[in-house]
N, C-alpha and C. Protein backbone atom coordinates (compact mmCIF):
# COMPACT_ATOMS: atom_id res chain seq x y z
N MET A 1 0.64 -1.20 -0.09
CA MET A 1 0.23 0.32 -0.19
C MET A 1 0.75 1.55 -0.11
N ILE A 2 0.43 2.08 -0.53
CA ILE A 2 1.31 3.47 -0.79
C ILE A 2 0.11 4.59 -0.46
N GLU A 3 0.83 4.90 0.56
CA GLU A 3 0.23 6.24 1.57
C GLU A 3 0.55 7.72 0.88
N VAL A 4 0.37 8.73 0.52
CA VAL A 4 0.24 9.39 -0.05
C VAL A 4 -0.07 10.56 1.07
N THR A 5 1.11 11.72 1.28
CA THR A 5 0.34 12.52 2.14
C THR A 5 0.33 14.00 1.65
N PRO A 6 -0.69 14.80 1.71
CA PRO A 6 -0.97 15.71 1.26
C PRO A 6 0.47 16.86 1.29
N GLY A 7 0.15 17.50 0.45
CA GLY A 7 1.38 18.11 0.12
C GLY A 7 0.81 19.92 0.49
N GLY A 8 1.72 20.99 0.09
CA GLY A 8 1.38 22.51 -0.04
C GLY A 8 2.15 23.38 0.69
N PRO A 9 1.48 24.78 1.42
CA PRO A 9 2.61 25.58 1.51
C PRO A 9 2.75 25.12 3.03
N GLY A 10 3.80 25.41 3.70
CA GLY A 10 3.86 25.49 4.98
C GLY A 10 2.86 26.69 5.71
N PRO A 11 3.21 26.81 7.05
CA PRO A 11 2.84 27.54 7.65
C PRO A 11 3.40 29.06 7.39
N ASN A 12 2.17 29.74 7.93
CA ASN A 12 2.53 31.52 7.98
C ASN A 12 3.91 31.48 9.11
N PHE A 13 4.84 32.14 8.46
CA PHE A 13 5.80 32.67 9.38
C PHE A 13 6.24 34.40 9.16
N ASN A 14 5.63 34.79 10.56
CA ASN A 14 5.83 36.13 10.59
C ASN A 14 7.09 36.75 10.71
N ASP A 15 7.30 37.96 10.02
CA ASP A 15 8.63 38.50 10.08
C ASP A 15 8.46 39.23 11.33
N ALA A 16 9.34 39.59 12.11
CA ALA A 16 9.84 40.01 13.26
C ALA A 16 10.57 41.62 13.48
N GLU A 17 10.99 42.08 14.05
CA GLU A 17 12.18 42.85 14.63
C GLU A 17 12.13 43.07 16.55
N ILE A 18 13.62 43.11 16.75
CA ILE A 18 14.04 42.99 17.79
C ILE A 18 15.17 43.71 17.67
N CYS A 19 15.70 44.12 19.24
CA CYS A 19 16.62 44.82 19.49
C CYS A 19 18.18 44.13 19.91
N GLU A 20 19.17 44.75 19.27
CA GLU A 20 20.53 43.79 19.65
C GLU A 20 20.70 43.45 21.04
N ASP A 21 21.34 41.87 20.74
CA ASP A 21 21.38 41.06 22.01
C ASP A 21 19.74 40.66 22.30
N GLU A 22 18.85 40.88 21.98
CA GLU A 22 17.71 40.17 22.35
C GLU A 22 17.61 38.80 21.69
N THR A 23 16.92 37.94 22.70
CA THR A 23 16.81 36.60 22.05
C THR A 23 14.97 36.76 21.95
N ILE A 24 14.16 35.84 20.94
CA ILE A 24 13.01 35.75 20.52
C ILE A 24 12.87 33.77 20.43
N ASN A 25 12.14 33.47 20.98
CA ASN A 25 11.78 32.38 20.11
C ASN A 25 10.62 31.90 18.94
N LEU A 26 11.32 31.52 17.82
CA LEU A 26 10.71 31.38 16.71
C LEU A 26 9.67 30.93 16.35
N THR A 27 9.45 29.58 17.23
CA THR A 27 8.11 29.16 16.87
C THR A 27 6.77 29.83 17.51
N ASN A 28 6.99 30.72 17.88
CA ASN A 28 6.12 32.24 18.60
C ASN A 28 5.76 32.88 17.12
N LEU A 29 6.43 32.55 16.20
CA LEU A 29 6.37 33.44 14.95
C LEU A 29 5.48 32.75 13.55
N ILE A 30 5.26 31.38 14.01
CA ILE A 30 4.75 30.76 12.81
C ILE A 30 3.09 30.04 13.24
N THR A 31 2.41 29.78 12.52
CA THR A 31 1.04 29.45 12.28
C THR A 31 0.53 28.58 11.40
N PRO A 32 -0.11 27.62 11.90
CA PRO A 32 -0.20 27.15 13.54
C PRO A 32 1.36 26.22 13.31
N VAL A 33 1.13 25.98 14.64
CA VAL A 33 2.57 25.75 14.88
C VAL A 33 2.60 24.09 14.69
N ILE A 34 3.61 23.38 14.04
CA ILE A 34 4.18 21.86 13.03
C ILE A 34 5.25 21.73 13.68
N PRO A 35 5.62 20.35 13.62
CA PRO A 35 6.72 20.06 13.84
C PRO A 35 7.35 20.49 12.65
N GLY A 36 9.18 20.85 12.76
CA GLY A 36 9.91 21.27 12.35
C GLY A 36 11.22 22.09 12.31
N PHE A 37 11.71 22.38 11.69
CA PHE A 37 13.35 23.30 12.52
C PHE A 37 13.76 24.37 11.62
N PHE A 38 14.24 25.47 12.42
CA PHE A 38 14.35 26.76 11.96
C PHE A 38 15.60 26.49 11.70
N SER A 39 16.37 27.39 10.63
CA SER A 39 18.16 27.43 10.24
C SER A 39 18.10 28.59 10.03
N GLY A 40 18.92 29.36 9.57
CA GLY A 40 19.87 30.68 9.09
C GLY A 40 20.22 31.19 10.12
N THR A 41 21.15 32.26 9.89
CA THR A 41 21.94 32.87 10.83
C THR A 41 21.79 33.42 12.25
N ASN A 42 22.15 33.26 13.12
CA ASN A 42 21.84 33.27 14.36
C ASN A 42 20.89 32.87 14.94
N VAL A 43 20.86 31.44 14.33
CA VAL A 43 19.63 30.72 15.21
C VAL A 43 20.82 29.57 15.46
N ALA A 44 19.64 29.27 16.66
CA ALA A 44 20.15 28.17 17.12
C ALA A 44 18.75 26.85 18.12
N GLY A 45 18.82 26.09 17.63
CA GLY A 45 17.25 25.78 18.05
C GLY A 45 16.30 26.36 17.46
N ASN A 46 15.23 26.55 18.49
CA ASN A 46 13.93 27.67 18.12
C ASN A 46 14.44 29.03 18.54
N PHE A 47 15.76 29.00 18.65
CA PHE A 47 15.69 30.52 18.97
C PHE A 47 16.68 31.76 18.21
N PHE A 48 16.12 32.58 17.86
CA PHE A 48 16.96 33.21 17.53
C PHE A 48 17.65 34.76 18.34
N THR A 49 19.06 34.63 18.33
CA THR A 49 19.62 35.95 18.92
C THR A 49 20.24 36.87 18.02
N GLY A 50 20.11 38.32 18.33
CA GLY A 50 20.40 39.70 17.74
C GLY A 50 21.99 39.60 18.04
N ASN A 51 22.76 38.64 17.56
CA ASN A 51 24.21 39.14 17.75
C ASN A 51 24.64 40.25 17.18
N ASN A 52 24.31 40.81 16.16
CA ASN A 52 24.53 41.81 15.22
C ASN A 52 23.41 42.25 14.58
N THR A 53 23.24 43.75 14.37
CA THR A 53 22.33 44.22 13.17
C THR A 53 21.98 43.83 11.98
N GLY A 54 20.92 44.41 11.80
CA GLY A 54 20.67 44.18 10.07
C GLY A 54 19.57 43.34 10.16
N THR A 55 19.37 43.30 8.66
CA THR A 55 18.03 42.11 8.74
C THR A 55 18.46 40.46 8.39
N PHE A 56 18.02 39.92 8.59
CA PHE A 56 18.33 38.15 8.37
C PHE A 56 16.83 37.24 8.28
N SER A 57 17.45 36.42 7.08
CA SER A 57 16.51 35.59 6.45
C SER A 57 16.49 34.20 7.34
N VAL A 58 15.58 33.88 7.58
CA VAL A 58 15.46 32.48 8.25
C VAL A 58 14.74 31.57 8.31
N VAL A 59 14.67 30.38 7.87
CA VAL A 59 13.93 29.57 6.90
C VAL A 59 13.64 28.23 8.31
N PHE A 60 12.04 28.13 7.86
CA PHE A 60 11.46 26.96 8.68
C PHE A 60 10.88 25.76 7.65
N THR A 61 11.34 24.73 7.77
CA THR A 61 11.59 23.62 7.38
C THR A 61 10.43 22.41 7.85
N PRO A 62 9.27 22.01 7.57
CA PRO A 62 8.30 21.54 8.30
C PRO A 62 9.23 19.77 7.93
N THR A 63 8.56 19.35 9.27
CA THR A 63 9.45 17.69 9.49
C THR A 63 8.33 17.12 7.80
N ASN A 64 7.02 17.14 7.55
CA ASN A 64 6.17 16.60 6.39
C ASN A 64 7.35 17.34 5.44
N ILE A 65 7.48 16.15 4.54
CA ILE A 65 8.40 16.81 3.31
C ILE A 65 7.72 17.35 2.89
N CYS A 66 6.44 16.83 2.77
CA CYS A 66 5.62 17.13 1.61
C CYS A 66 4.95 18.82 1.83
N LEU A 67 5.56 19.52 2.52
CA LEU A 67 5.01 20.77 3.34
C LEU A 67 6.26 21.72 2.88
N ASP A 68 6.26 22.51 1.87
CA ASP A 68 6.72 24.02 1.63
C ASP A 68 7.68 24.32 2.94
N PRO A 69 8.63 24.83 2.52
CA PRO A 69 9.32 25.67 3.50
C PRO A 69 8.74 27.17 3.77
N SER A 70 8.72 27.17 4.67
CA SER A 70 8.84 28.75 5.04
C SER A 70 9.38 29.62 5.60
N ASN A 71 9.56 31.47 5.08
CA ASN A 71 10.69 32.16 5.23
C ASN A 71 9.95 33.30 5.94
N ALA A 72 11.40 33.88 6.93
CA ALA A 72 10.77 35.12 7.08
C ALA A 72 11.74 35.96 7.78
N GLU A 73 11.49 37.02 7.70
CA GLU A 73 13.11 38.11 7.53
C GLU A 73 12.80 38.82 9.43
N ILE A 74 13.98 38.59 10.03
CA ILE A 74 13.99 39.04 11.37
C ILE A 74 15.23 40.58 11.07
N THR A 75 14.60 41.61 11.63
CA THR A 75 15.36 42.55 11.84
C THR A 75 16.03 42.80 12.79
N VAL A 76 17.52 43.25 13.41
CA VAL A 76 17.81 43.77 14.64
C VAL A 76 18.21 45.09 14.37
N ASN A 77 18.08 45.89 15.38
CA ASN A 77 18.42 47.15 15.67
C ASN A 77 18.75 47.52 16.62
N PRO A 78 19.90 48.58 16.21
CA PRO A 78 21.12 48.81 17.56
C PRO A 78 20.38 49.68 18.57
N ASN A 79 21.00 48.95 19.61
CA ASN A 79 20.61 49.71 20.66
C ASN A 79 21.02 51.37 20.95
N ILE A 80 19.92 51.76 21.46
CA ILE A 80 20.29 53.40 21.75
C ILE A 80 21.24 53.58 22.82
N ASP A 81 22.30 54.48 22.55
CA ASP A 81 23.27 54.65 23.35
C ASP A 81 22.97 56.28 23.84
N TYR A 82 22.57 56.45 25.00
CA TYR A 82 22.37 57.61 25.24
C TYR A 82 23.11 58.20 27.01
N THR A 83 23.33 59.33 27.20
CA THR A 83 24.16 59.78 28.65
C THR A 83 23.33 60.05 29.14
N LEU A 84 23.34 60.24 30.47
CA LEU A 84 22.69 61.36 31.73
C LEU A 84 23.63 62.01 32.69
N GLU A 85 23.33 63.23 32.89
CA GLU A 85 24.30 64.05 33.34
C GLU A 85 24.18 64.03 35.04
N THR A 86 24.79 64.21 36.07
CA THR A 86 24.66 64.00 37.24
C THR A 86 25.04 65.77 37.47
N ALA A 87 24.40 65.81 38.93
CA ALA A 87 24.23 67.05 39.96
C ALA A 87 24.81 67.28 41.19
N ALA A 88 24.84 68.45 41.57
CA ALA A 88 25.20 68.83 42.97
C ALA A 88 24.33 69.50 43.38
N LEU A 89 23.91 69.43 45.06
CA LEU A 89 22.87 70.28 45.64
C LEU A 89 23.32 70.15 46.96
N CYS A 90 22.94 71.42 47.39
CA CYS A 90 22.60 71.70 48.86
C CYS A 90 21.15 71.15 49.28
N GLU A 91 20.74 70.39 50.85
CA GLU A 91 19.85 69.81 51.36
C GLU A 91 18.41 71.28 51.18
N THR A 92 19.19 72.40 51.31
CA THR A 92 17.96 73.29 51.11
C THR A 92 17.31 73.87 49.72
N ASP A 93 18.04 73.47 48.98
CA ASP A 93 18.35 73.85 47.58
C ASP A 93 16.69 73.46 46.94
N PRO A 94 15.69 74.66 46.49
CA PRO A 94 14.94 73.93 45.37
C PRO A 94 14.74 72.34 44.70
N LEU A 95 13.21 72.11 44.37
CA LEU A 95 13.27 71.23 43.25
C LEU A 95 13.88 71.36 42.28
N LEU A 96 14.81 70.00 42.03
CA LEU A 96 15.76 70.02 41.10
C LEU A 96 15.13 69.11 39.28
N ASP A 97 14.68 69.92 38.58
CA ASP A 97 14.45 69.50 37.26
C ASP A 97 14.96 68.21 36.77
N LEU A 98 14.54 67.06 36.80
CA LEU A 98 15.50 65.98 36.45
C LEU A 98 15.51 65.89 34.53
N THR A 99 14.67 66.92 34.15
CA THR A 99 14.95 67.04 32.87
C THR A 99 16.09 67.70 31.92
N THR A 100 16.70 68.28 32.77
CA THR A 100 17.80 69.05 32.48
C THR A 100 18.84 67.89 32.58
N LEU A 101 18.70 66.72 33.48
CA LEU A 101 19.78 65.83 33.59
C LEU A 101 19.52 64.67 32.12
N ALA A 102 18.66 64.39 31.76
CA ALA A 102 18.54 63.76 30.79
C ALA A 102 19.26 63.80 29.06
N ASP A 103 19.30 63.00 28.22
CA ASP A 103 20.04 63.42 26.69
C ASP A 103 19.53 64.06 26.11
N PRO A 104 19.74 65.42 25.62
CA PRO A 104 18.36 66.05 24.58
C PRO A 104 17.80 65.50 23.37
N ASN A 105 18.51 64.07 23.14
CA ASN A 105 18.55 63.78 22.02
C ASN A 105 16.93 62.35 22.14
N TYR A 106 17.57 62.28 23.55
CA TYR A 106 16.63 60.96 23.93
C TYR A 106 15.54 61.25 24.97
N PRO A 107 14.87 62.46 25.50
CA PRO A 107 14.47 63.01 26.42
C PRO A 107 13.51 62.22 27.68
N LEU A 108 12.75 61.43 26.63
CA LEU A 108 11.63 61.06 26.96
C LEU A 108 11.62 59.88 27.39
N GLY A 109 10.86 59.80 29.25
CA GLY A 109 11.29 58.53 29.96
C GLY A 109 10.54 58.86 31.41
N SER A 110 10.79 57.79 32.20
CA SER A 110 10.56 58.25 33.55
C SER A 110 11.56 58.23 34.67
N TRP A 111 11.48 58.37 35.96
CA TRP A 111 12.45 58.71 36.54
C TRP A 111 11.86 57.95 38.01
N SER A 112 12.96 57.44 39.13
CA SER A 112 12.91 56.85 40.03
C SER A 112 13.92 56.74 40.84
N GLY A 113 13.47 56.76 42.44
CA GLY A 113 14.48 56.71 43.24
C GLY A 113 14.18 57.50 44.43
N PRO A 114 15.12 58.07 45.28
CA PRO A 114 14.23 58.83 46.98
C PRO A 114 14.64 60.13 46.47
N GLY A 115 13.44 60.69 46.67
CA GLY A 115 13.17 61.89 46.51
C GLY A 115 12.43 62.36 45.28
N VAL A 116 12.17 61.35 44.75
CA VAL A 116 11.59 61.83 43.01
C VAL A 116 9.97 61.86 43.09
N SER A 117 9.82 62.77 42.59
CA SER A 117 8.37 62.79 42.16
C SER A 117 8.16 62.82 41.06
N GLY A 118 7.70 62.15 39.82
CA GLY A 118 7.36 62.87 38.46
C GLY A 118 8.56 63.05 38.01
N ASN A 119 8.81 64.24 37.59
CA ASN A 119 10.08 64.43 36.47
C ASN A 119 11.09 65.95 37.42
N PHE A 120 10.78 65.60 39.02
CA PHE A 120 11.36 66.31 40.20
C PHE A 120 12.21 65.48 41.23
N PHE A 121 13.15 65.92 41.67
CA PHE A 121 14.13 66.04 42.91
C PHE A 121 13.88 66.51 43.90
N ASP A 122 13.31 66.05 44.79
CA ASP A 122 13.63 66.78 46.23
C ASP A 122 14.46 66.68 47.37
N PRO A 123 15.96 67.75 47.18
CA PRO A 123 17.04 67.09 48.18
C PRO A 123 16.55 67.12 49.68
N LEU A 124 15.40 67.43 49.85
CA LEU A 124 15.16 67.63 51.12
C LEU A 124 15.52 66.32 51.92
N ASN A 125 16.38 66.50 52.93
CA ASN A 125 16.46 65.13 54.18
C ASN A 125 17.20 63.63 53.03
N GLN A 126 17.52 64.46 51.97
CA GLN A 126 18.44 63.58 51.37
C GLN A 126 19.86 63.98 51.69
N SER A 127 20.95 62.74 51.40
CA SER A 127 22.57 63.18 51.85
C SER A 127 23.22 62.56 51.13
N GLY A 128 24.16 63.13 50.81
CA GLY A 128 25.36 61.90 50.12
C GLY A 128 25.57 61.52 48.89
N PHE A 129 25.69 60.40 48.07
CA PHE A 129 25.22 60.42 46.82
C PHE A 129 24.10 59.86 46.53
N VAL A 130 22.83 60.46 46.12
CA VAL A 130 21.24 59.61 45.92
C VAL A 130 21.37 58.94 44.18
N THR A 131 21.47 57.37 44.12
CA THR A 131 20.90 56.98 42.91
C THR A 131 19.69 57.63 42.29
N LEU A 132 19.57 57.77 40.75
CA LEU A 132 18.11 57.83 40.49
C LEU A 132 18.29 56.74 39.03
N THR A 133 17.02 56.61 38.84
CA THR A 133 17.01 55.73 37.37
C THR A 133 16.43 56.67 36.88
N PHE A 134 16.57 56.32 35.28
CA PHE A 134 15.85 56.49 34.33
C PHE A 134 15.25 55.68 33.32
N THR A 135 14.17 55.56 33.14
CA THR A 135 13.61 54.51 31.95
C THR A 135 13.61 55.04 30.59
N PRO A 136 13.97 55.16 29.73
CA PRO A 136 13.70 55.51 28.43
C PRO A 136 12.25 55.00 27.74
N ASP A 137 11.73 56.08 27.03
CA ASP A 137 10.60 55.62 26.40
C ASP A 137 10.42 55.50 24.94
N TYR A 138 11.76 54.85 24.76
CA TYR A 138 12.37 54.53 23.42
C TYR A 138 12.75 52.87 22.94
N GLU A 139 11.93 52.37 22.13
CA GLU A 139 12.52 50.70 22.05
C GLU A 139 14.17 51.19 21.80
N CYS A 140 14.81 49.71 22.30
CA CYS A 140 16.24 49.42 22.06
C CYS A 140 17.03 50.26 22.97
N ALA A 141 16.18 51.06 24.05
CA ALA A 141 16.92 51.52 25.24
C ALA A 141 16.42 51.11 26.39
N VAL A 142 17.85 50.93 27.14
CA VAL A 142 17.72 50.44 28.41
C VAL A 142 18.02 51.35 29.48
N ALA A 143 17.48 51.13 30.29
CA ALA A 143 17.58 52.13 31.59
C ALA A 143 18.80 52.14 32.00
N LYS A 144 19.17 53.57 32.72
CA LYS A 144 20.79 53.75 33.27
C LYS A 144 20.04 54.14 34.67
N THR A 145 21.24 54.53 35.17
CA THR A 145 21.63 55.39 36.30
C THR A 145 22.39 56.66 36.46
N THR A 146 22.02 57.36 37.48
CA THR A 146 23.13 58.42 37.43
C THR A 146 23.02 59.05 39.10
N VAL A 147 24.04 59.83 39.47
CA VAL A 147 23.74 60.21 40.87
C VAL A 147 23.62 61.76 41.41
N VAL A 148 22.86 62.08 42.01
CA VAL A 148 22.95 63.47 42.65
C VAL A 148 23.52 63.88 44.02
N GLU A 149 23.89 64.08 44.14
CA GLU A 149 24.97 65.00 45.26
C GLU A 149 24.68 65.75 46.38
N VAL A 150 23.88 65.37 47.22
CA VAL A 150 23.39 66.53 48.11
C VAL A 150 24.13 66.54 49.00
N THR A 151 24.52 67.63 49.52
CA THR A 151 25.15 68.23 50.77
C THR A 151 24.10 68.64 51.90
N PRO A 152 24.42 67.93 52.95
CA PRO A 152 23.27 68.18 54.30
C PRO A 152 23.50 69.94 54.67
N ALA A 153 22.86 70.25 54.92
CA ALA A 153 22.64 71.74 55.45
C ALA A 153 23.55 71.85 56.80
N GLU A 154 24.27 72.64 57.29
CA GLU A 154 25.15 73.22 58.06
C GLU A 154 24.37 74.15 59.19
N ILE A 155 24.33 73.78 60.08
CA ILE A 155 23.68 74.69 61.01
C ILE A 155 24.67 75.28 62.45
N PRO A 156 25.16 76.51 62.27
CA PRO A 156 26.15 76.98 63.19
C PRO A 156 25.41 76.51 64.56
N PHE A 157 26.72 76.05 65.82
CA PHE A 157 26.40 75.61 67.14
C PHE A 157 26.73 77.32 67.36
N LEU A 158 25.83 77.55 68.06
CA LEU A 158 26.11 79.15 68.70
C LEU A 158 25.79 79.18 70.05
N THR A 159 26.77 79.75 70.65
CA THR A 159 27.11 79.50 72.06
C THR A 159 26.42 80.64 72.91
N SER A 160 26.00 80.69 73.83
CA SER A 160 24.97 82.01 74.48
C SER A 160 26.08 83.04 75.58
N ALA A 161 25.88 84.00 75.71
CA ALA A 161 26.67 84.67 76.58
C ALA A 161 26.05 85.75 77.24
N THR A 162 26.32 85.94 78.47
CA THR A 162 26.11 86.78 79.15
C THR A 162 27.03 88.17 79.85
N LEU A 163 26.25 89.23 78.99
CA LEU A 163 27.29 90.35 79.27
C LEU A 163 26.97 91.54 80.15
N CYS A 164 27.98 92.11 80.89
CA CYS A 164 27.10 93.36 81.67
C CYS A 164 27.28 94.77 80.77
N GLU A 165 26.76 95.74 81.06
CA GLU A 165 26.09 96.87 80.57
C GLU A 165 27.60 97.77 79.76
N ASN A 166 28.81 97.42 80.72
CA ASN A 166 29.92 98.36 80.16
C ASN A 166 30.69 96.97 79.52
N SER A 167 30.41 96.05 79.23
CA SER A 167 31.25 95.03 78.54
C SER A 167 31.95 95.48 77.80
N PRO A 168 33.05 94.99 77.08
CA PRO A 168 33.86 95.17 76.50
C PRO A 168 33.04 94.55 74.68
N PRO A 169 33.26 94.95 73.76
CA PRO A 169 33.16 94.02 72.42
C PRO A 169 33.64 92.49 72.87
N TYR A 170 32.51 91.64 72.20
CA TYR A 170 32.46 90.38 72.47
C TYR A 170 32.58 89.41 71.24
N LEU A 171 34.19 88.73 71.38
CA LEU A 171 33.91 87.90 69.96
C LEU A 171 33.43 86.63 69.89
N TRP A 172 32.11 86.85 69.27
CA TRP A 172 31.70 85.66 69.64
C TRP A 172 31.49 84.06 68.59
N GLY A 173 31.88 83.26 69.74
CA GLY A 173 32.08 82.14 68.76
C GLY A 173 33.45 81.87 67.87
N LEU A 174 32.88 81.07 66.85
CA LEU A 174 34.16 80.98 65.76
C LEU A 174 33.24 81.91 64.38
N SER A 175 32.57 82.61 64.80
CA SER A 175 31.65 83.68 63.88
C SER A 175 32.58 84.81 63.40
N LYS A 176 33.54 84.94 64.11
CA LYS A 176 34.48 86.18 64.33
C LYS A 176 33.47 87.45 64.30
N ILE A 177 32.49 87.28 64.84
CA ILE A 177 31.46 88.54 65.27
C ILE A 177 31.78 89.09 65.93
N LEU A 178 32.09 90.51 66.37
CA LEU A 178 31.72 91.43 67.42
C LEU A 178 30.57 92.07 68.45
N LEU A 179 30.31 91.94 68.69
CA LEU A 179 28.72 91.91 69.70
C LEU A 179 28.95 92.94 70.56
N PHE A 180 28.61 94.62 70.34
CA PHE A 180 28.47 95.51 71.14
C PHE A 180 27.52 95.59 72.20
N PRO A 181 27.74 95.53 73.08
CA PRO A 181 26.14 95.41 74.48
C PRO A 181 25.86 96.81 74.48
N MET A 182 24.52 97.35 74.06
CA MET A 182 24.14 98.60 74.34
C MET A 182 22.75 98.36 75.21
N VAL A 183 22.31 99.34 76.11
CA VAL A 183 21.65 99.01 77.22
C VAL A 183 19.92 99.14 76.25
N HIS A 184 19.22 97.96 76.98
CA HIS A 184 17.86 98.53 76.29
C HIS A 184 17.18 98.33 77.31
N GLY A 185 16.24 99.10 78.25
CA GLY A 185 14.54 98.19 78.79
C GLY A 185 16.17 98.47 80.01
N ALA A 186 15.51 97.85 80.88
CA ALA A 186 16.15 97.21 82.26
C ALA A 186 17.56 96.48 82.74
N VAL A 187 17.34 95.24 81.64
CA VAL A 187 17.75 94.22 81.94
C VAL A 187 18.27 93.26 80.93
N MET A 188 17.74 93.96 79.92
CA MET A 188 17.87 92.99 78.32
C MET A 188 18.88 93.82 77.17
N VAL A 189 19.93 93.63 76.57
CA VAL A 189 20.82 93.86 75.38
C VAL A 189 20.02 93.47 74.12
N SER A 190 19.74 94.42 73.24
CA SER A 190 19.55 94.09 71.96
C SER A 190 20.88 93.96 71.43
N LEU A 191 21.20 92.99 70.39
CA LEU A 191 21.92 92.82 69.92
C LEU A 191 22.26 92.54 68.17
N ALA A 192 22.12 93.80 68.09
CA ALA A 192 21.65 93.57 65.96
C ALA A 192 22.71 93.46 65.25
N LEU A 193 22.72 92.63 64.05
CA LEU A 193 24.08 92.20 63.32
C LEU A 193 23.68 92.62 61.86
N PRO A 194 23.53 93.83 61.73
CA PRO A 194 23.24 94.20 60.64
C PRO A 194 23.97 93.52 59.45
N LEU A 195 23.84 92.35 59.16
CA LEU A 195 24.60 91.79 58.19
C LEU A 195 23.95 89.76 57.76
N THR A 196 24.59 89.34 57.02
CA THR A 196 24.62 87.70 56.92
C THR A 196 25.64 86.97 57.02
N LEU A 197 25.16 85.34 57.28
CA LEU A 197 26.34 84.93 57.39
C LEU A 197 26.90 84.34 56.26
N PRO A 198 27.62 84.77 55.46
CA PRO A 198 27.82 83.62 53.59
C PRO A 198 28.02 82.86 53.88
N ALA A 199 28.50 81.92 55.01
CA ALA A 199 28.03 80.40 54.94
C ALA A 199 26.88 79.70 55.22
N TYR A 200 26.61 80.46 55.74
CA TYR A 200 24.77 80.17 55.65
C TYR A 200 23.46 80.76 55.36
N PRO A 201 24.06 81.13 53.96
CA PRO A 201 22.83 81.78 54.00
C PRO A 201 21.49 81.56 53.74
N GLU A 202 21.14 80.38 54.18
CA GLU A 202 19.87 79.15 53.96
C GLU A 202 19.31 79.43 55.18
N VAL A 203 20.65 79.31 56.34
CA VAL A 203 20.08 79.72 57.68
C VAL A 203 19.55 81.22 58.64
N PHE A 204 20.86 82.02 57.93
CA PHE A 204 20.37 83.32 58.20
C PHE A 204 20.21 84.43 56.80
N PRO A 205 18.64 84.43 56.75
CA PRO A 205 18.41 85.20 55.17
C PRO A 205 18.43 86.62 55.74
N LEU A 206 18.12 87.04 56.54
CA LEU A 206 17.77 88.38 57.34
C LEU A 206 19.16 88.74 58.73
N PRO A 207 19.35 89.97 59.02
CA PRO A 207 19.99 90.13 59.74
C PRO A 207 19.67 89.38 61.28
N LEU A 208 20.76 88.98 62.14
CA LEU A 208 20.39 88.43 63.06
C LEU A 208 20.66 89.03 64.50
N HIS A 209 19.26 89.12 64.98
CA HIS A 209 19.48 89.69 66.15
C HIS A 209 19.30 89.01 67.89
N LEU A 210 20.29 89.03 68.42
CA LEU A 210 20.10 88.38 69.73
C LEU A 210 20.29 89.22 70.82
N MET A 211 18.82 88.37 72.08
CA MET A 211 18.78 89.24 73.19
C MET A 211 20.02 88.54 74.04
N ILE A 212 20.22 89.31 74.82
CA ILE A 212 21.20 88.84 76.04
C ILE A 212 21.17 89.32 77.25
N PRO A 213 20.99 88.52 78.51
CA PRO A 213 20.55 89.21 79.56
C PRO A 213 21.58 89.55 80.10
N VAL A 214 21.25 91.38 81.05
CA VAL A 214 22.44 91.90 81.60
C VAL A 214 22.14 92.47 83.06
N PRO A 215 22.86 91.79 83.71
CA PRO A 215 22.50 92.12 85.37
C PRO A 215 22.69 93.42 85.61
N TYR A 216 21.94 93.43 86.36
CA TYR A 216 22.08 95.24 87.15
C TYR A 216 23.55 95.47 87.83
N PRO A 217 23.70 96.50 87.52
CA PRO A 217 25.12 96.87 88.37
C PRO A 217 24.77 96.94 90.00
N GLU A 218 25.79 96.36 90.91
CA GLU A 218 25.36 96.73 91.74
C GLU A 218 25.68 97.80 92.83
N LEU A 219 24.68 98.12 93.42
CA LEU A 219 24.98 99.61 93.78
C LEU A 219 25.75 99.64 95.22
């Protein structure tokens, strides 16, 4: 007895695009899935790996020799290379617009990490090197990280002082500020410093006024 197997075209074999170094299962591209094998550049078993860029022809040969082979083209696109900028802030600085750190050629994407809300970074309560992640909205562009260096706010240690009404000018702490006592009322001295401290503009934005108790002179 002679058995005649029906012949005809093989299964549909769809084209595909992948990124460089990406691997796909070729059986997901044929309809219906029937026994057979794949052959072509970058093919290993049922898998195709984008080892290099370009367009590659892959052949599916059914086990049924009466069915025609099917062909598809796999296009491998290069990975997108982009750069992220870094930043240095003080803890008391305003919000940082993170779009200023993105590559201008590939600006679209989402940010994540400590202190991040949307496209902004809040340095408050952060310190040291803070790692942020940018996930681009582009095919073949992988997520990358960058760092924002946050310097903690420095609050100077201010010591107290007790002066008499006729006390000489007083050198106050490490700030090298001379305090000149002036009688104010009966027992208080108002020390007005009509200047700011350059090292701490965020701490003392206005002239500093101290009230220092002055004992009554003994009668």
